[in-house]
Amino acid sequence: DFFFGFAMLFAAPVFSGDKSQSLIRAGLTISGMLCLAGLAGPAFGDMRLQVPGIIGYAFGFPLTCVLLARLLARSDESAG
């Protein structure tokens, strides 16, 4: 959760521009914050507190990857 969360937060500012890039930036930011919030589980010894982290990397990140793949496919078509 720690490194993955920070990686997503550091990658988020790269995407600025149109609506799809804004959605990717928001998805990376929200997923990263959820992953970092999931660190509370091991820190407090209550693994139920890790659920936000699981939501961040198991659901939020894959959805953001779909948006990212669509953006890259669109930019590849326009370049070719």
PDB file of N, CA and C in Angstrom:
ATOM      1  N   ASP A   1       0.816  -1.195   0.000  1.00  0.00           N
ATOM      2  CA  ASP A   1       0.000   0.000   0.000  1.00  0.00           C
ATOM      3  C   ASP A   1       0.860   1.259   0.000  1.00  0.00           C
ATOM      4  N   PHE A   2       1.947   1.221   0.703  1.00  0.00           N
ATOM      5  CA  PHE A   2       2.774   2.424   0.863  1.00  0.00           C
ATOM      6  C   PHE A   2       3.370   2.877  -0.468  1.00  0.00           C
ATOM      7  N   PHE A   3       4.174   2.026  -1.086  1.00  0.00           N
ATOM      8  CA  PHE A   3       4.865   2.425  -2.312  1.00  0.00           C
ATOM      9  C   PHE A   3       3.904   2.574  -3.484  1.00  0.00           C
ATOM     10  N   PHE A   4       2.924   1.703  -3.577  1.00  0.00           N
ATOM     11  CA  PHE A   4       1.954   1.784  -4.664  1.00  0.00           C
ATOM     12  C   PHE A   4       1.128   3.062  -4.545  1.00  0.00           C
ATOM     13  N   GLY A   5       0.716   3.390  -3.342  1.00  0.00           N
ATOM     14  CA  GLY A   5      -0.061   4.613  -3.121  1.00  0.00           C
ATOM     15  C   GLY A   5       0.723   5.856  -3.504  1.00  0.00           C
ATOM     16  N   PHE A   6       1.975   5.922  -3.064  1.00  0.00           N
ATOM     17  CA  PHE A   6       2.785   7.086  -3.418  1.00  0.00           C
ATOM     18  C   PHE A   6       3.110   7.125  -4.908  1.00  0.00           C
ATOM     19  N   ALA A   7       3.301   5.968  -5.533  1.00  0.00           N
ATOM     20  CA  ALA A   7       3.571   5.936  -6.972  1.00  0.00           C
ATOM     21  C   ALA A   7       2.397   6.516  -7.745  1.00  0.00           C
ATOM     22  N   MET A   8       1.193   6.167  -7.339  1.00  0.00           N
ATOM     23  CA  MET A   8       0.025   6.708  -8.028  1.00  0.00           C
ATOM     24  C   MET A   8      -0.129   8.198  -7.779  1.00  0.00           C
ATOM     25  N   LEU A   9       0.145   8.644  -6.571  1.00  0.00           N
ATOM     26  CA  LEU A   9       0.049  10.074  -6.288  1.00  0.00           C
ATOM     27  C   LEU A   9       1.096  10.873  -7.054  1.00  0.00           C
ATOM     28  N   PHE A  10       2.289  10.305  -7.225  1.00  0.00           N
ATOM     29  CA  PHE A  10       3.327  11.014  -7.974  1.00  0.00           C
ATOM     30  C   PHE A  10       3.078  10.975  -9.475  1.00  0.00           C
ATOM     31  N   ALA A  11       2.372   9.960  -9.963  1.00  0.00           N
ATOM     32  CA  ALA A  11       2.066   9.865 -11.392  1.00  0.00           C
ATOM     33  C   ALA A  11       0.872  10.736 -11.780  1.00  0.00           C
ATOM     34  N   ALA A  12       0.012  11.043 -10.858  1.00  0.00           N
ATOM     35  CA  ALA A  12      -1.221  11.770 -11.162  1.00  0.00           C
ATOM     36  C   ALA A  12      -0.981  13.139 -11.824  1.00  0.00           C
ATOM     37  N   PRO A  13      -0.041  13.955 -11.371  1.00  0.00           N
ATOM     38  CA  PRO A  13       0.116  15.282 -11.984  1.00  0.00           C
ATOM     39  C   PRO A  13       0.572  15.254 -13.447  1.00  0.00           C
ATOM     40  N   VAL A  14       1.047  14.117 -13.927  1.00  0.00           N
ATOM     41  CA  VAL A  14       1.477  14.023 -15.319  1.00  0.00           C
ATOM     42  C   VAL A  14       0.293  14.232 -16.260  1.00  0.00           C
ATOM     43  N   PHE A  15      -0.895  13.858 -15.808  1.00  0.00           N
ATOM     44  CA  PHE A  15      -2.076  13.909 -16.663  1.00  0.00           C
ATOM     45  C   PHE A  15      -2.862  15.182 -16.383  1.00  0.00           C
ATOM     46  N   SER A  16      -2.645  16.162 -17.229  1.00  0.00           N
ATOM     47  CA  SER A  16      -3.414  17.402 -17.132  1.00  0.00           C
ATOM     48  C   SER A  16      -3.773  17.821 -18.549  1.00  0.00           C
ATOM     49  N   GLY A  17      -4.981  18.196 -18.723  1.00  0.00           N
ATOM     50  CA  GLY A  17      -5.407  18.584 -20.051  1.00  0.00           C
ATOM     51  C   GLY A  17      -6.887  18.396 -20.231  1.00  0.00           C
ATOM     52  N   ASP A  18      -7.264  17.564 -21.204  1.00  0.00           N
ATOM     53  CA  ASP A  18      -8.670  17.394 -21.533  1.00  0.00           C
ATOM     54  C   ASP A  18      -9.401  16.571 -20.467  1.00  0.00           C
ATOM     55  N   LYS A  19     -10.662  16.284 -20.753  1.00  0.00           N
ATOM     56  CA  LYS A  19     -11.518  15.600 -19.773  1.00  0.00           C
ATOM     57  C   LYS A  19     -11.004  14.211 -19.413  1.00  0.00           C
ATOM     58  N   SER A  20     -10.524  13.452 -20.413  1.00  0.00           N
ATOM     59  CA  SER A  20     -10.059  12.100 -20.119  1.00  0.00           C
ATOM     60  C   SER A  20      -8.806  12.119 -19.250  1.00  0.00           C
ATOM     61  N   GLN A  21      -7.926  13.066 -19.489  1.00  0.00           N
ATOM     62  CA  GLN A  21      -6.732  13.166 -18.644  1.00  0.00           C
ATOM     63  C   GLN A  21      -7.094  13.605 -17.234  1.00  0.00           C
ATOM     64  N   SER A  22      -8.096  14.460 -17.109  1.00  0.00           N
ATOM     65  CA  SER A  22      -8.545  14.869 -15.774  1.00  0.00           C
ATOM     66  C   SER A  22      -9.137  13.689 -15.008  1.00  0.00           C
ATOM     67  N   LEU A  23      -9.876  12.827 -15.725  1.00  0.00           N
ATOM     68  CA  LEU A  23     -10.424  11.631 -15.073  1.00  0.00           C
ATOM     69  C   LEU A  23      -9.310  10.686 -14.632  1.00  0.00           C
ATOM     70  N   ILE A  24      -8.291  10.547 -15.459  1.00  0.00           N
ATOM     71  CA  ILE A  24      -7.154   9.690 -15.093  1.00  0.00           C
ATOM     72  C   ILE A  24      -6.441  10.266 -13.881  1.00  0.00           C
ATOM     73  N   ARG A  25      -6.219  11.580 -13.890  1.00  0.00           N
ATOM     74  CA  ARG A  25      -5.557  12.217 -12.740  1.00  0.00           C
ATOM     75  C   ARG A  25      -6.369  12.012 -11.472  1.00  0.00           C
ATOM     76  N   ALA A  26      -7.694  12.190 -11.558  1.00  0.00           N
ATOM     77  CA  ALA A  26      -8.550  11.988 -10.388  1.00  0.00           C
ATOM     78  C   ALA A  26      -8.534  10.529  -9.941  1.00  0.00           C
ATOM     79  N   GLY A  27      -8.574   9.608 -10.894  1.00  0.00           N
ATOM     80  CA  GLY A  27      -8.545   8.177 -10.541  1.00  0.00           C
ATOM     81  C   GLY A  27      -7.256   7.781  -9.852  1.00  0.00           C
ATOM     82  N   LEU A  28      -6.140   8.270 -10.368  1.00  0.00           N
ATOM     83  CA  LEU A  28      -4.852   7.956  -9.737  1.00  0.00           C
ATOM     84  C   LEU A  28      -4.761   8.574  -8.345  1.00  0.00           C
ATOM     85  N   THR A  29      -5.246   9.796  -8.210  1.00  0.00           N
ATOM     86  CA  THR A  29      -5.187  10.470  -6.905  1.00  0.00           C
ATOM     87  C   THR A  29      -6.059   9.768  -5.875  1.00  0.00           C
ATOM     88  N   ILE A  30      -7.283   9.444  -6.260  1.00  0.00           N
ATOM     89  CA  ILE A  30      -8.195   8.782  -5.319  1.00  0.00           C
ATOM     90  C   ILE A  30      -7.685   7.389  -4.955  1.00  0.00           C
ATOM     91  N   SER A  31      -7.231   6.644  -5.947  1.00  0.00           N
ATOM     92  CA  SER A  31      -6.715   5.298  -5.672  1.00  0.00           C
ATOM     93  C   SER A  31      -5.479   5.362  -4.784  1.00  0.00           C
ATOM     94  N   GLY A  32      -4.602   6.316  -5.045  1.00  0.00           N
ATOM     95  CA  GLY A  32      -3.407   6.467  -4.223  1.00  0.00           C
ATOM     96  C   GLY A  32      -3.736   6.821  -2.784  1.00  0.00           C
ATOM     97  N   MET A  33      -4.704   7.707  -2.612  1.00  0.00           N
ATOM     98  CA  MET A  33      -5.089   8.087  -1.260  1.00  0.00           C
ATOM     99  C   MET A  33      -5.752   6.926  -0.521  1.00  0.00           C
ATOM    100  N   LEU A  34      -6.551   6.136  -1.247  1.00  0.00           N
ATOM    101  CA  LEU A  34      -7.169   4.964  -0.621  1.00  0.00           C
ATOM    102  C   LEU A  34      -6.103   3.948  -0.203  1.00  0.00           C
ATOM    103  N   CYS A  35      -5.096   3.761  -1.053  1.00  0.00           N
ATOM    104  CA  CYS A  35      -4.023   2.825  -0.697  1.00  0.00           C
ATOM    105  C   CYS A  35      -3.285   3.292   0.550  1.00  0.00           C
ATOM    106  N   LEU A  36      -3.010   4.578   0.627  1.00  0.00           N
ATOM    107  CA  LEU A  36      -2.323   5.088   1.814  1.00  0.00           C
ATOM    108  C   LEU A  36      -3.216   5.006   3.048  1.00  0.00           C
ATOM    109  N   ALA A  37      -4.515   5.196   2.877  1.00  0.00           N
ATOM    110  CA  ALA A  37      -5.437   5.047   4.010  1.00  0.00           C
ATOM    111  C   ALA A  37      -5.471   3.604   4.486  1.00  0.00           C
ATOM    112  N   GLY A  38      -5.228   2.657   3.584  1.00  0.00           N
ATOM    113  CA  GLY A  38      -5.213   1.246   3.952  1.00  0.00           C
ATOM    114  C   GLY A  38      -4.057   0.868   4.862  1.00  0.00           C
ATOM    115  N   LEU A  39      -3.083   1.747   4.980  1.00  0.00           N
ATOM    116  CA  LEU A  39      -1.972   1.484   5.902  1.00  0.00           C
ATOM    117  C   LEU A  39      -2.417   1.502   7.360  1.00  0.00           C
ATOM    118  N   ALA A  40      -3.588   2.046   7.612  1.00  0.00           N
ATOM    119  CA  ALA A  40      -4.092   2.087   8.990  1.00  0.00           C
ATOM    120  C   ALA A  40      -4.353   0.687   9.539  1.00  0.00           C
ATOM    121  N   GLY A  41      -4.668  -0.255   8.655  1.00  0.00           N
ATOM    122  CA  GLY A  41      -4.937  -1.625   9.115  1.00  0.00           C
ATOM    123  C   GLY A  41      -3.762  -2.238   9.840  1.00  0.00           C
ATOM    124  N   PRO A  42      -2.610  -2.376   9.191  1.00  0.00           N
ATOM    125  CA  PRO A  42      -1.458  -2.933   9.892  1.00  0.00           C
ATOM    126  C   PRO A  42      -0.956  -2.036  11.030  1.00  0.00           C
ATOM    127  N   ALA A  43      -1.109  -0.730  10.872  1.00  0.00           N
ATOM    128  CA  ALA A  43      -0.610   0.189  11.900  1.00  0.00           C
ATOM    129  C   ALA A  43      -1.369   0.036  13.218  1.00  0.00           C
ATOM    130  N   PHE A  44      -2.675  -0.185  13.134  1.00  0.00           N
ATOM    131  CA  PHE A  44      -3.493  -0.290  14.340  1.00  0.00           C
ATOM    132  C   PHE A  44      -3.843  -1.724  14.701  1.00  0.00           C
ATOM    133  N   GLY A  45      -3.412  -2.679  13.884  1.00  0.00           N
ATOM    134  CA  GLY A  45      -3.676  -4.083  14.185  1.00  0.00           C
ATOM    135  C   GLY A  45      -5.099  -4.516  13.902  1.00  0.00           C
ATOM    136  N   ASP A  46      -5.841  -3.734  13.172  1.00  0.00           N
ATOM    137  CA  ASP A  46      -7.210  -4.075  12.798  1.00  0.00           C
ATOM    138  C   ASP A  46      -7.278  -4.121  11.279  1.00  0.00           C
ATOM    139  N   MET A  47      -7.264  -5.322  10.741  1.00  0.00           N
ATOM    140  CA  MET A  47      -7.159  -5.463   9.294  1.00  0.00           C
ATOM    141  C   MET A  47      -8.421  -5.017   8.557  1.00  0.00           C
ATOM    142  N   ARG A  48      -9.492  -4.765   9.261  1.00  0.00           N
ATOM    143  CA  ARG A  48     -10.680  -4.197   8.609  1.00  0.00           C
ATOM    144  C   ARG A  48     -10.390  -2.794   8.109  1.00  0.00           C
ATOM    145  N   LEU A  49      -9.430  -2.129   8.721  1.00  0.00           N
ATOM    146  CA  LEU A  49      -9.063  -0.780   8.295  1.00  0.00           C
ATOM    147  C   LEU A  49      -8.269  -0.784   6.994  1.00  0.00           C
ATOM    148  N   GLN A  50      -7.896  -1.954   6.521  1.00  0.00           N
ATOM    149  CA  GLN A  50      -7.149  -2.048   5.271  1.00  0.00           C
ATOM    150  C   GLN A  50      -8.081  -2.094   4.049  1.00  0.00           C
ATOM    151  N   VAL A  51      -9.365  -2.165   4.270  1.00  0.00           N
ATOM    152  CA  VAL A  51     -10.332  -2.255   3.171  1.00  0.00           C
ATOM    153  C   VAL A  51     -10.205  -1.083   2.185  1.00  0.00           C
ATOM    154  N   PRO A  52     -10.008   0.166   2.626  1.00  0.00           N
ATOM    155  CA  PRO A  52      -9.832   1.234   1.627  1.00  0.00           C
ATOM    156  C   PRO A  52      -8.642   0.981   0.701  1.00  0.00           C
ATOM    157  N   GLY A  53      -7.572   0.429   1.214  1.00  0.00           N
ATOM    158  CA  GLY A  53      -6.417   0.116   0.381  1.00  0.00           C
ATOM    159  C   GLY A  53      -6.749  -0.938  -0.659  1.00  0.00           C
ATOM    160  N   ILE A  54      -7.506  -1.930  -0.257  1.00  0.00           N
ATOM    161  CA  ILE A  54      -7.914  -2.981  -1.187  1.00  0.00           C
ATOM    162  C   ILE A  54      -8.797  -2.396  -2.281  1.00  0.00           C
ATOM    163  N   ILE A  55      -9.700  -1.520  -1.910  1.00  0.00           N
ATOM    164  CA  ILE A  55     -10.560  -0.869  -2.902  1.00  0.00           C
ATOM    165  C   ILE A  55      -9.708  -0.042  -3.858  1.00  0.00           C
ATOM    166  N   GLY A  56      -8.688   0.617  -3.336  1.00  0.00           N
ATOM    167  CA  GLY A  56      -7.821   1.454  -4.170  1.00  0.00           C
ATOM    168  C   GLY A  56      -7.055   0.677  -5.217  1.00  0.00           C
ATOM    169  N   TYR A  57      -6.423  -0.433  -4.822  1.00  0.00           N
ATOM    170  CA  TYR A  57      -5.595  -1.142  -5.806  1.00  0.00           C
ATOM    171  C   TYR A  57      -6.327  -2.260  -6.528  1.00  0.00           C
ATOM    172  N   ALA A  58      -7.447  -2.725  -6.016  1.00  0.00           N
ATOM    173  CA  ALA A  58      -8.163  -3.820  -6.686  1.00  0.00           C
ATOM    174  C   ALA A  58      -9.287  -3.325  -7.591  1.00  0.00           C
ATOM    175  N   PHE A  59      -9.810  -2.148  -7.321  1.00  0.00           N
ATOM    176  CA  PHE A  59     -10.921  -1.636  -8.127  1.00  0.00           C
ATOM    177  C   PHE A  59     -10.599  -0.292  -8.776  1.00  0.00           C
ATOM    178  N   GLY A  60     -10.098   0.655  -7.984  1.00  0.00           N
ATOM    179  CA  GLY A  60      -9.818   1.989  -8.518  1.00  0.00           C
ATOM    180  C   GLY A  60      -8.720   2.001  -9.556  1.00  0.00           C
ATOM    181  N   PHE A  61      -7.632   1.323  -9.292  1.00  0.00           N
ATOM    182  CA  PHE A  61      -6.506   1.326 -10.235  1.00  0.00           C
ATOM    183  C   PHE A  61      -6.846   0.630 -11.549  1.00  0.00           C
ATOM    184  N   PRO A  62      -7.488  -0.554 -11.552  1.00  0.00           N
ATOM    185  CA  PRO A  62      -7.849  -1.156 -12.847  1.00  0.00           C
ATOM    186  C   PRO A  62      -8.795  -0.287 -13.683  1.00  0.00           C
ATOM    187  N   LEU A  63      -9.746   0.375 -13.033  1.00  0.00           N
ATOM    188  CA  LEU A  63     -10.628   1.275 -13.773  1.00  0.00           C
ATOM    189  C   LEU A  63      -9.848   2.437 -14.378  1.00  0.00           C
ATOM    190  N   THR A  64      -8.889   2.945 -13.628  1.00  0.00           N
ATOM    191  CA  THR A  64      -8.052   4.024 -14.140  1.00  0.00           C
ATOM    192  C   THR A  64      -7.179   3.527 -15.293  1.00  0.00           C
ATOM    193  N   CYS A  65      -6.736   2.298 -15.212  1.00  0.00           N
ATOM    194  CA  CYS A  65      -5.933   1.728 -16.307  1.00  0.00           C
ATOM    195  C   CYS A  65      -6.736   1.604 -17.593  1.00  0.00           C
ATOM    196  N   VAL A  66      -8.023   1.299 -17.479  1.00  0.00           N
ATOM    197  CA  VAL A  66      -8.882   1.249 -18.667  1.00  0.00           C
ATOM    198  C   VAL A  66      -8.952   2.629 -19.316  1.00  0.00           C
ATOM    199  N   LEU A  67      -9.130   3.664 -18.500  1.00  0.00           N
ATOM    200  CA  LEU A  67      -9.149   5.027 -19.036  1.00  0.00           C
ATOM    201  C   LEU A  67      -7.813   5.392 -19.668  1.00  0.00           C
ATOM    202  N   LEU A  68      -6.728   4.976 -19.032  1.00  0.00           N
ATOM    203  CA  LEU A  68      -5.399   5.259 -19.556  1.00  0.00           C
ATOM    204  C   LEU A  68      -5.165   4.539 -20.879  1.00  0.00           C
ATOM    205  N   ALA A  69      -5.610   3.302 -20.993  1.00  0.00           N
ATOM    206  CA  ALA A  69      -5.456   2.555 -22.241  1.00  0.00           C
ATOM    207  C   ALA A  69      -6.247   3.206 -23.371  1.00  0.00           C
ATOM    208  N   ARG A  70      -7.433   3.689 -23.070  1.00  0.00           N
ATOM    209  CA  ARG A  70      -8.226   4.377 -24.089  1.00  0.00           C
ATOM    210  C   ARG A  70      -7.544   5.664 -24.534  1.00  0.00           C
ATOM    211  N   LEU A  71      -6.961   6.396 -23.595  1.00  0.00           N
ATOM    212  CA  LEU A  71      -6.256   7.627 -23.937  1.00  0.00           C
ATOM    213  C   LEU A  71      -5.048   7.335 -24.811  1.00  0.00           C
ATOM    214  N   LEU A  72      -4.284   6.310 -24.468  1.00  0.00           N
ATOM    215  CA  LEU A  72      -3.092   5.972 -25.247  1.00  0.00           C
ATOM    216  C   LEU A  72      -3.468   5.439 -26.619  1.00  0.00           C
ATOM    217  N   ALA A  73      -4.543   4.677 -26.719  1.00  0.00           N
ATOM    218  CA  ALA A  73      -4.987   4.185 -28.021  1.00  0.00           C
ATOM    219  C   ALA A  73      -5.435   5.344 -28.911  1.00  0.00           C
ATOM    220  N   ARG A  74      -6.096   6.299 -28.317  1.00  0.00           N
ATOM    221  CA  ARG A  74      -6.550   7.475 -29.069  1.00  0.00           C
ATOM    222  C   ARG A  74      -5.371   8.305 -29.549  1.00  0.00           C
ATOM    223  N   SER A  75      -4.368   8.473 -28.698  1.00  0.00           N
ATOM    224  CA  SER A  75      -3.196   9.267 -29.105  1.00  0.00           C
ATOM    225  C   SER A  75      -2.364   8.512 -30.131  1.00  0.00           C
ATOM    226  N   ASP A  76      -2.357   7.168 -30.073  1.00  0.00           N
ATOM    227  CA  ASP A  76      -1.628   6.375 -31.063  1.00  0.00           C
ATOM    228  C   ASP A  76      -2.291   6.473 -32.433  1.00  0.00           C
ATOM    229  N   GLU A  77      -3.621   6.497 -32.465  1.00  0.00           N
ATOM    230  CA  GLU A  77      -4.335   6.620 -33.723  1.00  0.00           C
ATOM    231  C   GLU A  77      -4.114   7.987 -34.368  1.00  0.00           C
ATOM    232  N   SER A  78      -4.067   9.021 -33.539  1.00  0.00           N
ATOM    233  CA  SER A  78      -3.884  10.359 -34.088  1.00  0.00           C
ATOM    234  C   SER A  78      -2.447  10.579 -34.562  1.00  0.00           C
ATOM    235  N   ALA A  79      -1.505   9.869 -33.961  1.00  0.00           N
ATOM    236  CA  ALA A  79      -0.098  10.013 -34.377  1.00  0.00           C
ATOM    237  C   ALA A  79       0.184   9.216 -35.663  1.00  0.00           C
ATOM    238  N   GLY A  80      -0.564   8.133 -35.874  1.00  0.00           N
ATOM    239  CA  GLY A  80      -0.301   7.251 -37.002  1.00  0.00           C
ATOM    240  C   GLY A  80      -1.076   7.595 -38.191  1.00  0.00           C
TER     241      GLY A  80
END
